[in-house]
N, C-alpha and C. Protein backbone atom coordinates (compact mmCIF):
# COMPACT_ATOMS: atom_id res chain seq x y z
N UNK A 1 106.57 77.18 119.71
CA UNK A 1 105.65 78.37 119.28
C UNK A 1 106.43 79.11 118.21
N UNK A 2 105.91 79.16 116.97
CA UNK A 2 106.49 79.96 115.93
C UNK A 2 106.83 81.48 116.15
N UNK A 3 107.88 82.14 115.98
CA UNK A 3 108.25 83.38 116.19
C UNK A 3 108.30 84.03 114.97
N UNK A 4 108.14 83.42 113.71
CA UNK A 4 108.07 83.89 112.47
C UNK A 4 107.33 84.95 112.15
N UNK A 5 107.53 85.98 111.54
CA UNK A 5 106.50 87.01 111.16
C UNK A 5 105.60 86.33 110.12
N UNK A 6 105.98 85.34 109.39
CA UNK A 6 105.26 84.64 108.25
C UNK A 6 103.99 83.82 108.81
N UNK A 7 104.08 83.32 109.96
CA UNK A 7 103.21 82.43 110.40
C UNK A 7 102.03 83.27 111.16
N UNK A 8 102.14 84.42 111.26
CA UNK A 8 101.02 85.17 112.11
C UNK A 8 99.85 85.69 110.97
N UNK A 9 98.64 85.57 111.50
CA UNK A 9 97.56 85.74 110.55
C UNK A 9 97.61 87.14 109.87
N UNK A 10 98.15 88.13 110.60
CA UNK A 10 98.19 89.44 109.89
C UNK A 10 99.45 89.71 108.92
N UNK A 11 100.16 88.63 108.89
CA UNK A 11 101.54 88.79 108.19
C UNK A 11 101.16 89.14 106.63
N UNK A 12 102.13 89.77 106.10
CA UNK A 12 102.15 90.21 104.79
C UNK A 12 103.53 89.74 104.09
N UNK A 13 103.41 89.77 102.77
CA UNK A 13 104.54 89.46 101.99
C UNK A 13 104.49 90.18 100.63
N UNK A 14 105.73 90.48 99.95
CA UNK A 14 105.66 91.09 98.82
C UNK A 14 104.93 90.34 97.80
N UNK A 15 104.26 90.83 96.77
CA UNK A 15 103.50 90.26 95.75
C UNK A 15 104.26 89.32 94.95
N UNK A 16 105.38 89.92 94.40
CA UNK A 16 106.28 89.19 93.38
C UNK A 16 107.08 87.90 94.12
N UNK A 17 107.23 88.24 95.55
CA UNK A 17 107.88 86.94 96.25
C UNK A 17 106.79 85.96 96.18
N UNK A 18 105.52 86.30 96.56
CA UNK A 18 104.60 85.36 96.76
C UNK A 18 104.22 84.58 95.69
N UNK A 19 104.10 85.41 94.28
CA UNK A 19 103.85 84.68 92.99
C UNK A 19 105.02 83.74 92.85
N UNK A 20 106.26 83.99 93.16
CA UNK A 20 107.27 83.01 92.85
C UNK A 20 107.31 81.80 93.72
N UNK A 21 106.89 82.22 95.08
CA UNK A 21 106.78 81.15 95.99
C UNK A 21 105.74 80.00 95.61
N UNK A 22 104.69 80.37 95.11
CA UNK A 22 103.59 79.52 94.92
C UNK A 22 103.72 79.09 93.35
N UNK A 23 104.75 79.10 92.77
CA UNK A 23 105.29 78.70 91.51
C UNK A 23 104.22 79.06 90.20
N UNK A 24 103.74 80.29 90.50
CA UNK A 24 103.16 81.04 89.20
C UNK A 24 104.34 81.42 88.12
N UNK A 25 105.42 81.98 88.60
CA UNK A 25 106.39 82.29 87.84
C UNK A 25 107.71 81.50 88.32
N UNK A 26 108.60 81.13 87.41
CA UNK A 26 109.72 80.51 87.55
C UNK A 26 110.72 81.00 88.53
N UNK A 27 110.87 82.47 88.13
CA UNK A 27 111.91 83.29 88.88
C UNK A 27 111.26 84.45 89.69
N UNK A 28 111.68 84.99 90.49
CA UNK A 28 111.14 86.28 91.17
C UNK A 28 111.32 87.49 90.32
N UNK A 29 112.56 87.50 89.28
CA UNK A 29 112.56 88.59 88.54
C UNK A 29 111.49 88.52 87.52
N UNK A 30 111.12 87.23 86.98
CA UNK A 30 110.09 87.22 86.09
C UNK A 30 108.52 87.82 86.71
N UNK A 31 108.59 87.44 88.09
CA UNK A 31 107.38 87.94 88.63
C UNK A 31 107.41 89.47 88.77
N UNK A 32 108.55 89.99 89.01
CA UNK A 32 108.73 91.44 89.27
C UNK A 32 108.45 92.14 87.87
N UNK A 33 109.06 91.38 86.68
CA UNK A 33 108.69 92.01 85.48
C UNK A 33 107.06 92.07 85.01
N UNK A 34 106.61 90.96 85.56
CA UNK A 34 105.21 91.07 85.16
C UNK A 34 104.27 92.12 86.01
N UNK A 35 104.71 92.27 87.03
CA UNK A 35 104.15 93.49 88.02
C UNK A 35 104.50 94.86 87.21
N UNK A 36 105.68 94.92 86.75
CA UNK A 36 106.00 96.19 85.95
C UNK A 36 105.33 96.45 84.86
N UNK A 37 104.96 95.26 84.12
CA UNK A 37 104.30 95.29 82.90
C UNK A 37 102.69 95.62 83.16
N UNK A 38 102.37 95.37 84.37
CA UNK A 38 100.93 95.66 84.62
C UNK A 38 100.01 94.33 84.56
N UNK A 39 100.66 93.17 84.46
CA UNK A 39 99.95 91.83 84.30
C UNK A 39 99.43 91.30 85.81
N UNK A 40 99.75 92.14 86.82
CA UNK A 40 99.42 91.72 88.17
C UNK A 40 98.47 92.65 88.78
N UNK A 41 97.23 92.29 89.15
CA UNK A 41 96.31 93.15 89.68
C UNK A 41 95.95 92.73 91.14
N UNK A 42 96.06 93.47 92.19
CA UNK A 42 95.50 93.08 93.74
C UNK A 42 94.37 93.95 93.89
N UNK A 43 93.18 93.20 93.96
CA UNK A 43 91.89 93.86 94.23
C UNK A 43 91.54 94.81 93.04
N UNK A 44 91.90 94.47 91.91
CA UNK A 44 91.49 95.18 90.76
C UNK A 44 92.40 96.44 90.44
N UNK A 45 93.37 96.71 91.21
CA UNK A 45 94.34 97.76 90.90
C UNK A 45 95.74 97.29 90.72
N UNK A 46 96.28 97.80 89.66
CA UNK A 46 97.76 97.36 89.14
C UNK A 46 98.70 97.19 90.49
N UNK A 47 99.38 96.42 90.58
CA UNK A 47 100.25 96.05 91.68
C UNK A 47 101.71 96.22 91.41
N UNK A 48 102.52 97.01 92.19
CA UNK A 48 103.83 97.19 92.06
C UNK A 48 104.50 95.86 92.86
N UNK A 49 105.74 95.58 92.43
CA UNK A 49 106.36 94.28 92.81
C UNK A 49 106.41 94.25 94.65
N UNK A 50 106.66 95.45 95.05
CA UNK A 50 106.76 95.45 96.46
C UNK A 50 105.54 95.57 97.28
N UNK A 51 104.28 95.65 96.64
CA UNK A 51 103.12 95.61 97.40
C UNK A 51 102.78 94.56 98.11
N UNK A 52 102.45 94.66 99.44
CA UNK A 52 102.23 93.52 100.38
C UNK A 52 100.77 92.93 99.96
N UNK A 53 100.69 91.50 100.15
CA UNK A 53 99.60 90.76 99.99
C UNK A 53 99.24 90.08 101.35
N UNK A 54 98.07 90.01 101.75
CA UNK A 54 97.73 89.40 102.96
C UNK A 54 96.54 88.33 102.61
N UNK A 55 96.41 87.50 103.69
CA UNK A 55 95.35 86.38 103.50
C UNK A 55 93.91 87.11 103.14
N UNK A 56 93.31 86.55 102.01
CA UNK A 56 91.95 87.12 101.57
C UNK A 56 92.17 87.91 100.51
N UNK A 57 93.43 88.42 100.05
CA UNK A 57 93.42 89.27 98.94
C UNK A 57 93.29 88.68 97.70
N UNK A 58 92.62 89.13 96.70
CA UNK A 58 92.43 88.54 95.37
C UNK A 58 93.34 89.17 94.26
N UNK A 59 94.20 88.23 93.55
CA UNK A 59 94.96 88.58 92.64
C UNK A 59 94.61 88.19 91.08
N UNK A 60 94.72 89.01 90.34
CA UNK A 60 94.43 88.50 88.77
C UNK A 60 95.80 88.84 88.16
N UNK A 61 96.25 87.48 87.62
CA UNK A 61 97.51 87.24 86.98
C UNK A 61 97.46 86.97 85.71
N UNK A 62 97.78 87.88 84.62
CA UNK A 62 97.70 87.44 83.17
C UNK A 62 99.05 86.73 82.88
N UNK A 63 98.73 85.36 82.35
CA UNK A 63 99.85 84.64 81.93
C UNK A 63 99.35 84.00 80.51
N UNK A 64 100.24 84.33 79.52
CA UNK A 64 100.08 83.84 78.11
C UNK A 64 98.69 84.26 77.72
N UNK A 65 98.21 85.36 77.77
CA UNK A 65 97.06 85.96 77.35
C UNK A 65 95.68 85.63 78.15
N UNK A 66 95.89 84.94 79.12
CA UNK A 66 94.64 84.41 79.91
C UNK A 66 94.97 84.92 81.47
N UNK A 67 93.70 85.38 82.15
CA UNK A 67 93.87 85.64 83.59
C UNK A 67 93.57 84.44 84.33
N UNK A 68 94.52 84.37 85.55
CA UNK A 68 94.33 83.47 86.57
C UNK A 68 93.83 84.28 87.73
N UNK A 69 92.91 83.92 88.47
CA UNK A 69 92.23 84.51 89.63
C UNK A 69 92.77 83.61 90.82
N UNK A 70 93.56 84.33 91.66
CA UNK A 70 94.06 83.67 92.80
C UNK A 70 93.61 84.31 93.97
N UNK A 71 93.43 83.48 95.12
CA UNK A 71 92.98 84.30 96.56
C UNK A 71 94.07 83.72 97.46
N UNK A 72 94.69 84.76 98.16
CA UNK A 72 95.80 84.45 99.03
C UNK A 72 95.10 83.62 100.31
N UNK A 73 95.70 82.57 100.55
CA UNK A 73 95.36 81.73 101.97
C UNK A 73 96.19 82.05 102.81
N UNK A 74 97.52 81.89 102.58
CA UNK A 74 98.66 82.11 103.46
C UNK A 74 99.83 82.64 102.67
N UNK A 75 100.41 83.76 103.33
CA UNK A 75 101.42 84.47 102.80
C UNK A 75 102.92 83.63 103.07
N UNK A 76 103.34 83.27 101.98
CA UNK A 76 104.96 82.67 101.97
C UNK A 76 105.73 83.37 101.25
N UNK A 77 107.11 83.51 101.68
CA UNK A 77 107.99 84.21 100.76
C UNK A 77 109.23 83.60 100.36
N UNK A 78 109.31 82.36 100.79
CA UNK A 78 110.35 81.41 100.16
C UNK A 78 109.65 80.35 99.54
N UNK A 79 110.38 79.69 98.34
CA UNK A 79 109.88 78.65 97.68
C UNK A 79 109.93 77.38 98.57
N UNK A 80 108.61 76.89 98.39
CA UNK A 80 108.37 75.60 99.18
C UNK A 80 107.93 74.46 98.25
N UNK A 81 107.62 73.34 98.91
CA UNK A 81 107.30 72.17 98.08
C UNK A 81 105.85 72.48 97.50
N UNK A 82 105.57 71.57 96.55
CA UNK A 82 104.48 71.69 95.67
C UNK A 82 103.11 71.78 96.49
N UNK A 83 103.19 70.71 97.33
CA UNK A 83 101.99 70.60 98.33
C UNK A 83 101.55 71.88 99.26
N UNK A 84 102.84 72.37 99.84
CA UNK A 84 102.50 73.60 100.40
C UNK A 84 102.26 74.87 99.71
N UNK A 85 102.92 74.97 98.57
CA UNK A 85 102.54 76.06 97.64
C UNK A 85 100.96 75.95 97.18
N UNK A 86 100.50 74.77 96.95
CA UNK A 86 99.17 74.59 96.52
C UNK A 86 98.14 75.00 97.58
N UNK A 87 98.73 74.65 98.88
CA UNK A 87 97.77 75.10 100.03
C UNK A 87 97.77 76.52 100.34
N UNK A 88 98.71 77.34 99.67
CA UNK A 88 98.96 78.69 100.02
C UNK A 88 97.95 79.63 99.25
N UNK A 89 97.12 79.14 98.34
CA UNK A 89 96.25 79.80 97.64
C UNK A 89 95.12 79.04 97.13
N UNK A 90 93.97 79.82 96.69
CA UNK A 90 92.83 79.30 96.17
C UNK A 90 92.72 79.79 94.70
N UNK A 91 92.53 78.84 93.72
CA UNK A 91 92.33 79.11 92.28
C UNK A 91 91.04 79.22 91.94
N UNK A 92 90.52 80.57 91.63
CA UNK A 92 89.13 80.76 91.20
C UNK A 92 89.25 80.90 89.70
N UNK A 93 90.01 80.44 89.10
CA UNK A 93 90.07 80.82 87.62
C UNK A 93 88.99 80.06 86.90
N UNK A 94 88.00 80.68 86.11
CA UNK A 94 87.10 79.81 85.46
C UNK A 94 87.61 78.85 84.46
N UNK A 95 87.09 77.63 84.17
CA UNK A 95 87.71 76.72 83.08
C UNK A 95 87.69 77.21 81.74
N UNK A 96 88.57 76.93 80.93
CA UNK A 96 88.64 77.58 79.79
C UNK A 96 87.43 77.09 78.69
N UNK A 97 86.96 77.80 77.94
CA UNK A 97 85.78 77.24 76.86
C UNK A 97 86.34 76.35 76.13
N UNK A 98 85.28 75.34 75.76
CA UNK A 98 85.62 74.22 74.86
C UNK A 98 86.10 74.57 73.85
N UNK A 99 86.93 73.83 73.00
CA UNK A 99 87.47 74.01 71.65
C UNK A 99 86.55 74.15 70.54
N UNK A 100 85.39 73.61 70.58
CA UNK A 100 84.29 73.88 69.65
C UNK A 100 83.77 75.22 69.73
N UNK A 101 83.85 75.94 70.81
CA UNK A 101 83.43 77.27 71.18
C UNK A 101 84.50 78.29 70.56
N UNK A 102 85.79 78.02 70.74
CA UNK A 102 86.82 78.95 70.32
C UNK A 102 86.88 78.96 68.74
N UNK A 103 86.94 80.04 68.28
CA UNK A 103 87.27 80.02 66.79
C UNK A 103 88.62 79.67 66.30
N UNK A 104 88.71 78.95 65.29
CA UNK A 104 90.06 78.49 64.98
C UNK A 104 90.76 79.66 64.08
N UNK A 105 92.00 79.90 64.30
CA UNK A 105 92.70 80.90 63.44
C UNK A 105 93.23 80.21 62.26
N UNK A 106 93.00 80.73 61.10
CA UNK A 106 93.55 80.14 59.69
C UNK A 106 94.98 80.31 59.69
N UNK A 107 95.78 79.18 59.39
CA UNK A 107 97.06 79.26 59.28
C UNK A 107 97.44 78.97 57.76
N UNK A 108 98.46 79.71 57.41
CA UNK A 108 99.05 79.72 56.14
C UNK A 108 100.18 78.71 56.15
N UNK A 109 100.34 78.05 55.05
CA UNK A 109 101.59 77.24 55.02
C UNK A 109 103.06 77.98 55.20
N UNK A 110 103.91 77.75 55.77
CA UNK A 110 105.12 78.35 55.73
C UNK A 110 105.92 78.45 54.40
N UNK A 111 106.30 79.61 54.11
CA UNK A 111 106.82 79.78 52.88
C UNK A 111 105.90 79.91 51.62
N UNK A 112 104.47 80.18 52.06
CA UNK A 112 103.51 80.37 50.86
C UNK A 112 103.45 81.81 50.29
N UNK A 113 104.24 82.64 51.04
CA UNK A 113 104.52 84.01 50.52
C UNK A 113 103.31 84.88 50.75
N UNK A 114 103.08 85.98 50.37
CA UNK A 114 101.94 86.82 50.79
C UNK A 114 100.62 86.51 50.06
N UNK A 115 99.65 86.69 50.81
CA UNK A 115 98.22 86.12 50.28
C UNK A 115 97.95 87.13 48.87
N UNK A 116 97.31 86.46 47.91
CA UNK A 116 96.79 87.13 46.90
C UNK A 116 95.65 88.01 47.03
N UNK A 117 95.26 88.67 46.28
CA UNK A 117 94.23 89.74 46.50
C UNK A 117 93.06 88.98 46.75
N UNK A 118 92.71 87.93 46.04
CA UNK A 118 91.34 87.08 46.42
C UNK A 118 91.42 86.37 47.76
N UNK A 119 92.68 85.99 47.92
CA UNK A 119 92.92 85.31 49.41
C UNK A 119 92.81 86.52 50.40
N UNK A 120 93.18 87.55 50.34
CA UNK A 120 93.18 88.83 51.27
C UNK A 120 91.46 89.17 51.56
N UNK A 121 90.94 89.13 50.41
CA UNK A 121 89.38 89.30 50.38
C UNK A 121 88.67 88.17 51.26
N UNK A 122 89.08 87.02 51.08
CA UNK A 122 88.59 85.83 51.94
C UNK A 122 88.85 86.05 53.35
N UNK A 123 90.01 86.42 53.58
CA UNK A 123 90.57 86.49 55.05
C UNK A 123 89.72 87.70 55.64
N UNK A 124 89.62 88.79 54.90
CA UNK A 124 88.75 89.83 55.56
C UNK A 124 87.33 89.62 55.69
N UNK A 125 86.84 88.69 54.79
CA UNK A 125 85.51 88.30 54.94
C UNK A 125 85.29 87.52 56.09
N UNK A 126 86.30 86.59 56.45
CA UNK A 126 86.06 85.65 57.70
C UNK A 126 86.36 86.54 58.92
N UNK A 127 87.05 87.55 58.72
CA UNK A 127 87.48 88.20 60.08
C UNK A 127 86.10 89.18 60.20
N UNK A 128 85.54 89.38 59.29
CA UNK A 128 84.28 90.32 59.37
C UNK A 128 84.71 91.91 59.27
N UNK A 129 85.85 92.00 58.62
CA UNK A 129 86.26 93.25 58.40
C UNK A 129 85.64 93.74 57.01
N UNK A 130 85.41 95.13 56.96
CA UNK A 130 84.93 95.65 55.70
C UNK A 130 85.85 96.52 55.05
N UNK A 131 85.82 96.70 53.80
CA UNK A 131 86.84 97.36 52.94
C UNK A 131 86.20 98.75 52.63
N UNK A 132 85.07 99.09 53.23
CA UNK A 132 84.35 100.23 52.86
C UNK A 132 85.00 101.48 53.43
């Protein structure tokens, strides 16, 4: 019979430790930094690094400009194998839009210098900005 507090159904663990344990962030300090920057939300509210998470909590984690929606299934505090880590959460992140739907960003050649007045007007026209 397990006596660990992590195996009981009402157990909780720090949000930064949990994000590190399930391999969302490479280090716990990176998870803590993300919490401080406001990139982690638990139940829609900004989460501090020491905030406890329990099974059923929904987390929104902003990584590289996109939100991942994760639901806690099992609170784990230590780094575990990939299979155990995958079983500890449910990923409800919607799939990214297809490339055809995403507008491409115009890229200038490196070393091409500043855009000319004509090029600036074309860029503004593409972005929909008005000079009025």
